[in-house]
Amino acid sequence: MRALKNWPLFLWELTKVLIRSSSDAEVRHLMDGAKDFFSLFFSNWVSWNKEAGSSQRGAWVRLYGIQIHAWNENFFKLWVLDCGRYLRADSCTMEKDKLDYARILIATPALEIVQSVEKLLVDGELIEVKIIEEWGLSLGEDACLFDDEPDSEMY
């Protein structure tokens, strides 16, 4: 359970950045020379190795049970923290065309269907939201490779 105390909440998440050069020594010299600068943006840096890369897939999930006063992008990012990394919300969600569920695109390392219940303390009230992945793709397929956002006219 996470507690939200201060408004507005801004989440900045950057998982990995690749800095590349023709020689390893150039990158090391750059990073060492600007260590104070880079520490403003990055909490950790390591040399690249084959294990450093992780595979993730895109998945559209629906968030059921969000109250209207918590219907915003910052809250959507909080709800999906445990099941993946927030990428974006679809246009109908952002424009509040439908309020029965929010439709969010996440990057997840999970190959199984995303299905969970998350609890968050909002204004002193414990809110429970069900997160359910949309079906339609084969298990493990990447939703980011498909233009899966329906036209707003359909709604």
N, C-alpha and C. Protein backbone atom coordinates (compact mmCIF):
# COMPACT_ATOMS: atom_id res chain seq x y z
N MET A 1 0.84 -1.16 0.00
CA MET A 1 0.00 0.00 0.00
C MET A 1 0.89 1.24 0.00
N ARG A 2 0.55 2.23 -0.84
CA ARG A 2 1.28 3.48 -0.91
C ARG A 2 0.39 4.61 -0.43
N ALA A 3 0.95 5.58 0.25
CA ALA A 3 0.18 6.74 0.70
C ALA A 3 0.59 7.95 -0.12
N LEU A 4 -0.39 8.71 -0.56
CA LEU A 4 -0.14 9.93 -1.30
C LEU A 4 -0.44 11.10 -0.40
N LYS A 5 0.55 11.97 -0.21
CA LYS A 5 0.37 13.08 0.72
C LYS A 5 0.37 14.43 0.02
N ASN A 6 1.24 14.65 -0.93
CA ASN A 6 1.40 15.97 -1.52
C ASN A 6 0.91 15.99 -2.96
N TRP A 7 0.22 17.05 -3.31
CA TRP A 7 -0.23 17.28 -4.69
C TRP A 7 0.58 18.40 -5.27
N PRO A 8 0.86 18.52 -6.52
CA PRO A 8 0.76 17.42 -7.47
C PRO A 8 1.94 16.49 -7.34
N LEU A 9 1.76 15.29 -7.77
CA LEU A 9 2.82 14.29 -7.70
C LEU A 9 3.36 14.09 -9.11
N PHE A 10 4.65 14.20 -9.26
CA PHE A 10 5.28 13.98 -10.55
C PHE A 10 6.22 12.79 -10.43
N LEU A 11 6.02 11.82 -11.27
CA LEU A 11 6.89 10.65 -11.28
C LEU A 11 7.76 10.71 -12.52
N TRP A 12 9.05 10.68 -12.33
CA TRP A 12 9.99 10.65 -13.43
C TRP A 12 10.70 9.32 -13.37
N GLU A 13 10.54 8.54 -14.40
CA GLU A 13 11.18 7.24 -14.39
C GLU A 13 11.90 7.02 -15.70
N LEU A 14 13.15 6.76 -15.60
CA LEU A 14 13.96 6.43 -16.76
C LEU A 14 14.71 5.16 -16.39
N THR A 15 14.44 4.08 -17.09
CA THR A 15 15.00 2.82 -16.65
C THR A 15 16.45 2.62 -17.10
N LYS A 16 16.73 2.85 -18.37
CA LYS A 16 18.08 2.61 -18.85
C LYS A 16 18.42 3.59 -19.97
N VAL A 17 19.66 4.04 -19.96
CA VAL A 17 20.18 4.90 -21.00
C VAL A 17 21.50 4.30 -21.47
N LEU A 18 21.69 4.23 -22.77
CA LEU A 18 22.92 3.69 -23.32
C LEU A 18 23.74 4.86 -23.85
N ILE A 19 24.94 5.04 -23.31
CA ILE A 19 25.87 6.04 -23.79
C ILE A 19 26.96 5.28 -24.53
N ARG A 20 27.15 5.61 -25.79
CA ARG A 20 28.01 4.81 -26.65
C ARG A 20 29.05 5.69 -27.33
N SER A 21 30.19 5.13 -27.55
CA SER A 21 31.26 5.81 -28.26
C SER A 21 32.09 4.76 -28.98
N SER A 22 32.99 5.24 -29.85
CA SER A 22 33.82 4.29 -30.60
C SER A 22 34.84 3.60 -29.70
N SER A 23 35.16 4.23 -28.55
CA SER A 23 36.08 3.56 -27.64
C SER A 23 35.53 3.62 -26.22
N ASP A 24 35.76 2.57 -25.49
CA ASP A 24 35.30 2.47 -24.11
C ASP A 24 35.92 3.56 -23.23
N ALA A 25 37.15 3.91 -23.52
CA ALA A 25 37.87 4.91 -22.72
C ALA A 25 37.20 6.28 -22.81
N GLU A 26 36.67 6.64 -23.99
CA GLU A 26 36.01 7.94 -24.14
C GLU A 26 34.79 8.05 -23.23
N VAL A 27 33.98 7.01 -23.18
CA VAL A 27 32.78 7.03 -22.35
C VAL A 27 33.16 7.10 -20.88
N ARG A 28 34.12 6.30 -20.48
CA ARG A 28 34.56 6.33 -19.08
C ARG A 28 35.09 7.71 -18.70
N HIS A 29 35.88 8.34 -19.59
CA HIS A 29 36.43 9.66 -19.33
C HIS A 29 35.30 10.70 -19.22
N LEU A 30 34.32 10.61 -20.10
CA LEU A 30 33.17 11.51 -20.07
C LEU A 30 32.39 11.35 -18.77
N MET A 31 32.08 10.12 -18.39
CA MET A 31 31.30 9.87 -17.18
C MET A 31 32.06 10.30 -15.93
N ASP A 32 33.34 10.00 -15.86
CA ASP A 32 34.13 10.38 -14.69
C ASP A 32 34.29 11.89 -14.60
N GLY A 33 34.46 12.56 -15.72
CA GLY A 33 34.65 14.00 -15.72
C GLY A 33 33.40 14.79 -15.37
N ALA A 34 32.24 14.21 -15.61
CA ALA A 34 30.99 14.92 -15.36
C ALA A 34 30.13 14.16 -14.34
N LYS A 35 30.78 13.53 -13.38
CA LYS A 35 30.08 12.69 -12.40
C LYS A 35 29.01 13.47 -11.63
N ASP A 36 29.31 14.70 -11.21
CA ASP A 36 28.33 15.51 -10.48
C ASP A 36 27.10 15.82 -11.34
N PHE A 37 27.36 16.13 -12.60
CA PHE A 37 26.25 16.43 -13.50
C PHE A 37 25.36 15.20 -13.71
N PHE A 38 25.97 14.07 -14.03
CA PHE A 38 25.19 12.86 -14.30
C PHE A 38 24.47 12.35 -13.05
N SER A 39 25.02 12.60 -11.87
CA SER A 39 24.35 12.15 -10.65
C SER A 39 23.05 12.90 -10.40
N LEU A 40 22.84 14.04 -11.07
CA LEU A 40 21.56 14.74 -10.98
C LEU A 40 20.44 13.98 -11.68
N PHE A 41 20.81 13.16 -12.66
CA PHE A 41 19.82 12.46 -13.47
C PHE A 41 19.78 10.96 -13.26
N PHE A 42 20.92 10.37 -12.90
CA PHE A 42 21.01 8.93 -12.80
C PHE A 42 21.42 8.51 -11.40
N SER A 43 20.77 7.50 -10.87
CA SER A 43 21.12 7.02 -9.53
C SER A 43 22.27 6.02 -9.58
N ASN A 44 22.47 5.40 -10.74
CA ASN A 44 23.48 4.36 -10.85
C ASN A 44 23.90 4.22 -12.30
N TRP A 45 25.16 3.96 -12.55
CA TRP A 45 25.57 3.61 -13.90
C TRP A 45 26.56 2.46 -13.85
N VAL A 46 26.41 1.61 -14.85
CA VAL A 46 27.24 0.42 -14.93
C VAL A 46 27.67 0.23 -16.38
N SER A 47 28.76 -0.49 -16.57
CA SER A 47 29.20 -0.83 -17.92
C SER A 47 28.23 -1.85 -18.51
N TRP A 48 28.05 -1.76 -19.80
CA TRP A 48 27.12 -2.65 -20.49
C TRP A 48 27.62 -4.08 -20.47
N ASN A 49 26.70 -5.02 -20.26
CA ASN A 49 26.97 -6.43 -20.45
C ASN A 49 25.70 -7.08 -20.97
N LYS A 50 25.78 -8.29 -21.41
CA LYS A 50 24.62 -8.94 -22.01
C LYS A 50 23.45 -9.09 -21.04
N GLU A 51 23.74 -9.21 -19.75
CA GLU A 51 22.69 -9.38 -18.75
C GLU A 51 22.01 -8.05 -18.40
N ALA A 52 22.58 -6.93 -18.81
CA ALA A 52 22.04 -5.62 -18.44
C ALA A 52 20.71 -5.35 -19.14
N GLY A 53 20.50 -5.91 -20.30
CA GLY A 53 19.25 -5.69 -21.04
C GLY A 53 18.15 -6.57 -20.51
N SER A 54 16.98 -6.02 -20.39
CA SER A 54 15.84 -6.83 -19.97
C SER A 54 14.77 -6.73 -21.04
N SER A 55 14.06 -7.81 -21.26
CA SER A 55 13.01 -7.77 -22.26
C SER A 55 11.69 -7.41 -21.59
N GLN A 56 10.96 -6.54 -22.24
CA GLN A 56 9.65 -6.13 -21.77
C GLN A 56 8.71 -6.13 -22.96
N ARG A 57 7.45 -6.25 -22.67
CA ARG A 57 6.43 -6.19 -23.72
C ARG A 57 5.43 -5.12 -23.34
N GLY A 58 4.77 -4.58 -24.34
CA GLY A 58 3.70 -3.62 -24.08
C GLY A 58 2.40 -4.34 -23.83
N ALA A 59 1.62 -3.85 -22.90
CA ALA A 59 0.32 -4.46 -22.60
C ALA A 59 -0.68 -3.37 -22.25
N TRP A 60 -1.85 -3.43 -22.84
CA TRP A 60 -2.94 -2.54 -22.45
C TRP A 60 -3.64 -3.14 -21.24
N VAL A 61 -3.75 -2.36 -20.18
CA VAL A 61 -4.46 -2.82 -18.99
C VAL A 61 -5.62 -1.87 -18.73
N ARG A 62 -6.62 -2.40 -18.07
CA ARG A 62 -7.76 -1.60 -17.64
C ARG A 62 -7.72 -1.48 -16.12
N LEU A 63 -7.95 -0.28 -15.63
CA LEU A 63 -7.98 -0.01 -14.20
C LEU A 63 -9.43 0.26 -13.81
N TYR A 64 -9.98 -0.64 -13.00
CA TYR A 64 -11.37 -0.52 -12.55
C TYR A 64 -11.41 -0.04 -11.10
N GLY A 65 -12.30 0.90 -10.82
CA GLY A 65 -12.51 1.34 -9.44
C GLY A 65 -11.87 2.67 -9.09
N ILE A 66 -11.35 3.40 -10.07
CA ILE A 66 -10.73 4.69 -9.79
C ILE A 66 -11.82 5.73 -9.59
N GLN A 67 -11.73 6.46 -8.51
CA GLN A 67 -12.69 7.52 -8.24
C GLN A 67 -12.35 8.74 -9.08
N ILE A 68 -13.35 9.57 -9.35
CA ILE A 68 -13.18 10.69 -10.27
C ILE A 68 -12.13 11.69 -9.79
N HIS A 69 -12.01 11.91 -8.48
CA HIS A 69 -11.02 12.88 -8.00
C HIS A 69 -9.59 12.35 -8.10
N ALA A 70 -9.44 11.07 -8.39
CA ALA A 70 -8.12 10.47 -8.57
C ALA A 70 -7.86 10.12 -10.04
N TRP A 71 -8.69 10.65 -10.94
CA TRP A 71 -8.61 10.31 -12.36
C TRP A 71 -7.63 11.25 -13.05
N ASN A 72 -6.34 10.92 -12.99
CA ASN A 72 -5.34 11.72 -13.68
C ASN A 72 -4.09 10.88 -13.93
N GLU A 73 -3.24 11.38 -14.78
CA GLU A 73 -2.07 10.62 -15.22
C GLU A 73 -1.13 10.28 -14.07
N ASN A 74 -0.97 11.18 -13.11
CA ASN A 74 -0.09 10.89 -11.98
C ASN A 74 -0.59 9.71 -11.15
N PHE A 75 -1.89 9.62 -10.96
CA PHE A 75 -2.44 8.47 -10.25
C PHE A 75 -2.32 7.19 -11.07
N PHE A 76 -2.54 7.28 -12.38
CA PHE A 76 -2.39 6.09 -13.22
C PHE A 76 -0.98 5.52 -13.08
N LYS A 77 0.02 6.39 -13.03
CA LYS A 77 1.40 5.94 -12.88
C LYS A 77 1.59 5.21 -11.55
N LEU A 78 0.96 5.69 -10.49
CA LEU A 78 1.06 5.03 -9.19
C LEU A 78 0.41 3.65 -9.21
N TRP A 79 -0.75 3.55 -9.82
CA TRP A 79 -1.48 2.29 -9.80
C TRP A 79 -0.71 1.17 -10.47
N VAL A 80 0.03 1.46 -11.54
CA VAL A 80 0.67 0.39 -12.31
C VAL A 80 2.13 0.14 -11.93
N LEU A 81 2.63 0.80 -10.89
CA LEU A 81 4.04 0.64 -10.50
C LEU A 81 4.45 -0.81 -10.27
N ASP A 82 3.60 -1.60 -9.64
CA ASP A 82 3.97 -2.97 -9.30
C ASP A 82 3.86 -3.96 -10.45
N CYS A 83 3.13 -3.58 -11.51
CA CYS A 83 2.97 -4.55 -12.61
C CYS A 83 3.69 -4.12 -13.89
N GLY A 84 4.24 -2.91 -13.91
CA GLY A 84 4.96 -2.48 -15.10
C GLY A 84 5.28 -1.00 -15.05
N ARG A 85 5.80 -0.51 -16.16
CA ARG A 85 6.17 0.90 -16.28
C ARG A 85 5.13 1.61 -17.14
N TYR A 86 4.58 2.69 -16.64
CA TYR A 86 3.57 3.48 -17.36
C TYR A 86 4.16 4.02 -18.65
N LEU A 87 3.44 3.83 -19.75
CA LEU A 87 3.84 4.41 -21.03
C LEU A 87 2.91 5.54 -21.43
N ARG A 88 1.59 5.27 -21.44
CA ARG A 88 0.61 6.31 -21.76
C ARG A 88 -0.79 5.80 -21.47
N ALA A 89 -1.71 6.74 -21.46
CA ALA A 89 -3.13 6.40 -21.36
C ALA A 89 -3.76 6.66 -22.73
N ASP A 90 -4.82 5.95 -23.06
CA ASP A 90 -5.45 6.20 -24.35
C ASP A 90 -6.23 7.52 -24.29
N SER A 91 -6.60 8.03 -25.45
CA SER A 91 -7.22 9.35 -25.52
C SER A 91 -8.57 9.40 -24.83
N CYS A 92 -9.36 8.33 -24.88
CA CYS A 92 -10.67 8.32 -24.21
C CYS A 92 -10.50 8.41 -22.70
N THR A 93 -9.44 7.81 -22.18
CA THR A 93 -9.17 7.89 -20.74
C THR A 93 -8.77 9.31 -20.36
N MET A 94 -7.88 9.90 -21.12
CA MET A 94 -7.39 11.24 -20.79
C MET A 94 -8.48 12.30 -20.95
N GLU A 95 -9.37 12.10 -21.91
CA GLU A 95 -10.46 13.06 -22.13
C GLU A 95 -11.68 12.76 -21.26
N LYS A 96 -11.60 11.69 -20.46
CA LYS A 96 -12.68 11.28 -19.55
C LYS A 96 -13.99 11.01 -20.29
N ASP A 97 -13.87 10.39 -21.49
CA ASP A 97 -15.06 10.02 -22.25
C ASP A 97 -15.81 8.87 -21.59
N LYS A 98 -15.05 7.95 -20.99
CA LYS A 98 -15.64 6.82 -20.26
C LYS A 98 -14.99 6.80 -18.89
N LEU A 99 -15.80 6.68 -17.87
CA LEU A 99 -15.24 6.69 -16.51
C LEU A 99 -15.42 5.37 -15.79
N ASP A 100 -15.84 4.31 -16.51
CA ASP A 100 -15.99 3.02 -15.85
C ASP A 100 -14.64 2.31 -15.70
N TYR A 101 -13.67 2.60 -16.57
CA TYR A 101 -12.31 2.09 -16.41
C TYR A 101 -11.36 3.01 -17.16
N ALA A 102 -10.10 2.99 -16.73
CA ALA A 102 -9.04 3.71 -17.42
C ALA A 102 -8.24 2.70 -18.22
N ARG A 103 -7.87 3.06 -19.43
CA ARG A 103 -7.11 2.16 -20.31
C ARG A 103 -5.69 2.70 -20.42
N ILE A 104 -4.72 1.88 -19.93
CA ILE A 104 -3.33 2.31 -19.79
C ILE A 104 -2.40 1.34 -20.52
N LEU A 105 -1.43 1.88 -21.24
CA LEU A 105 -0.40 1.06 -21.87
C LEU A 105 0.81 1.02 -20.95
N ILE A 106 1.24 -0.19 -20.60
CA ILE A 106 2.40 -0.36 -19.73
C ILE A 106 3.46 -1.20 -20.43
N ALA A 107 4.69 -1.09 -19.95
CA ALA A 107 5.77 -1.99 -20.35
C ALA A 107 5.97 -2.93 -19.18
N THR A 108 5.86 -4.22 -19.44
CA THR A 108 5.97 -5.20 -18.36
C THR A 108 6.92 -6.32 -18.75
N PRO A 109 7.70 -6.81 -17.79
CA PRO A 109 8.55 -7.97 -18.08
C PRO A 109 7.77 -9.28 -17.98
N ALA A 110 6.56 -9.23 -17.45
CA ALA A 110 5.76 -10.44 -17.23
C ALA A 110 5.28 -11.02 -18.56
N LEU A 111 5.43 -12.33 -18.71
CA LEU A 111 4.90 -13.00 -19.89
C LEU A 111 3.49 -13.51 -19.64
N GLU A 112 3.10 -13.62 -18.38
CA GLU A 112 1.74 -14.04 -18.08
C GLU A 112 0.81 -12.82 -18.12
N ILE A 113 -0.48 -13.07 -18.17
CA ILE A 113 -1.49 -12.01 -18.22
C ILE A 113 -1.41 -11.18 -16.94
N VAL A 114 -1.39 -9.86 -17.09
CA VAL A 114 -1.35 -8.96 -15.93
C VAL A 114 -2.74 -8.91 -15.31
N GLN A 115 -2.81 -9.25 -14.04
CA GLN A 115 -4.07 -9.23 -13.31
C GLN A 115 -3.75 -9.07 -11.83
N SER A 116 -4.12 -7.92 -11.26
CA SER A 116 -3.81 -7.69 -9.86
C SER A 116 -4.80 -6.72 -9.24
N VAL A 117 -4.71 -6.60 -7.93
CA VAL A 117 -5.50 -5.64 -7.18
C VAL A 117 -4.51 -4.78 -6.40
N GLU A 118 -4.57 -3.47 -6.57
CA GLU A 118 -3.68 -2.55 -5.88
C GLU A 118 -4.50 -1.67 -4.94
N LYS A 119 -3.90 -1.34 -3.81
CA LYS A 119 -4.55 -0.48 -2.82
C LYS A 119 -3.71 0.77 -2.62
N LEU A 120 -4.36 1.92 -2.54
CA LEU A 120 -3.68 3.19 -2.37
C LEU A 120 -4.50 4.07 -1.44
N LEU A 121 -3.84 4.74 -0.54
CA LEU A 121 -4.50 5.63 0.40
C LEU A 121 -4.65 6.99 -0.26
N VAL A 122 -5.90 7.42 -0.50
CA VAL A 122 -6.20 8.69 -1.16
C VAL A 122 -7.07 9.52 -0.23
N ASP A 123 -6.56 10.68 0.19
CA ASP A 123 -7.31 11.56 1.09
C ASP A 123 -7.84 10.82 2.31
N GLY A 124 -7.02 9.93 2.86
CA GLY A 124 -7.39 9.19 4.05
C GLY A 124 -8.30 8.00 3.81
N GLU A 125 -8.64 7.73 2.58
CA GLU A 125 -9.51 6.60 2.24
C GLU A 125 -8.73 5.57 1.45
N LEU A 126 -8.86 4.30 1.82
CA LEU A 126 -8.18 3.21 1.13
C LEU A 126 -8.97 2.85 -0.13
N ILE A 127 -8.34 3.06 -1.28
CA ILE A 127 -8.98 2.78 -2.57
C ILE A 127 -8.39 1.50 -3.13
N GLU A 128 -9.25 0.62 -3.61
CA GLU A 128 -8.82 -0.64 -4.21
C GLU A 128 -9.14 -0.59 -5.70
N VAL A 129 -8.13 -0.83 -6.52
CA VAL A 129 -8.29 -0.79 -7.98
C VAL A 129 -7.88 -2.13 -8.56
N LYS A 130 -8.72 -2.65 -9.44
CA LYS A 130 -8.41 -3.90 -10.14
C LYS A 130 -7.72 -3.55 -11.45
N ILE A 131 -6.59 -4.21 -11.70
CA ILE A 131 -5.82 -4.01 -12.93
C ILE A 131 -5.90 -5.31 -13.73
N ILE A 132 -6.48 -5.22 -14.92
CA ILE A 132 -6.70 -6.42 -15.73
C ILE A 132 -6.22 -6.15 -17.15
N GLU A 133 -5.34 -7.02 -17.64
CA GLU A 133 -4.84 -6.87 -19.01
C GLU A 133 -5.93 -7.19 -20.01
N GLU A 134 -5.97 -6.41 -21.09
CA GLU A 134 -6.91 -6.68 -22.17
C GLU A 134 -6.45 -7.91 -22.94
N TRP A 135 -7.40 -8.70 -23.35
CA TRP A 135 -7.09 -9.88 -24.14
C TRP A 135 -7.19 -9.52 -25.60
N GLY A 136 -6.74 -10.39 -26.46
CA GLY A 136 -6.84 -10.16 -27.88
C GLY A 136 -5.52 -10.44 -28.58
N LEU A 137 -4.43 -10.29 -27.87
CA LEU A 137 -3.13 -10.66 -28.41
C LEU A 137 -2.77 -12.03 -27.86
N SER A 138 -1.88 -12.70 -28.53
CA SER A 138 -1.39 -13.96 -28.00
C SER A 138 -0.54 -13.69 -26.78
N LEU A 139 -0.48 -14.65 -25.89
CA LEU A 139 0.27 -14.49 -24.66
C LEU A 139 1.71 -14.13 -24.96
N GLY A 140 2.17 -13.05 -24.35
CA GLY A 140 3.54 -12.61 -24.53
C GLY A 140 3.77 -11.69 -25.71
N GLU A 141 2.74 -11.43 -26.54
CA GLU A 141 2.92 -10.50 -27.66
C GLU A 141 3.00 -9.07 -27.15
N ASP A 142 3.62 -8.24 -27.93
CA ASP A 142 3.88 -6.87 -27.52
C ASP A 142 2.82 -5.93 -28.09
N ALA A 143 2.01 -5.32 -27.22
CA ALA A 143 0.96 -4.41 -27.65
C ALA A 143 1.52 -3.14 -28.26
N CYS A 144 2.77 -2.81 -27.98
CA CYS A 144 3.38 -1.61 -28.56
C CYS A 144 3.60 -1.75 -30.06
N LEU A 145 3.58 -2.95 -30.57
CA LEU A 145 3.81 -3.17 -31.98
C LEU A 145 2.54 -3.03 -32.81
N PHE A 146 1.41 -2.80 -32.16
CA PHE A 146 0.13 -2.70 -32.83
C PHE A 146 -0.50 -1.35 -32.54
N ASP A 147 -1.20 -0.78 -33.53
CA ASP A 147 -1.96 0.44 -33.30
C ASP A 147 -3.32 0.01 -32.80
N ASP A 148 -3.42 -0.12 -31.48
CA ASP A 148 -4.60 -0.74 -30.88
C ASP A 148 -5.55 0.27 -30.23
N GLU A 149 -5.32 1.57 -30.43
CA GLU A 149 -6.20 2.54 -29.81
C GLU A 149 -7.38 2.78 -30.73
N PRO A 150 -8.61 2.50 -30.27
CA PRO A 150 -9.78 2.69 -31.12
C PRO A 150 -10.01 4.18 -31.35
N ASP A 151 -10.66 4.47 -32.49
CA ASP A 151 -11.01 5.87 -32.76
C ASP A 151 -12.00 6.37 -31.71
N SER A 152 -11.86 7.64 -31.34
CA SER A 152 -12.74 8.18 -30.32
C SER A 152 -14.17 8.26 -30.79
N GLU A 153 -14.37 8.26 -32.14
CA GLU A 153 -15.73 8.30 -32.68
C GLU A 153 -16.51 7.04 -32.33
N MET A 154 -15.81 5.91 -32.16
CA MET A 154 -16.47 4.66 -31.83
C MET A 154 -17.10 4.73 -30.45
N TYR A 155 -16.55 5.56 -29.54
CA TYR A 155 -17.07 5.66 -28.21
C TYR A 155 -18.20 6.63 -28.17
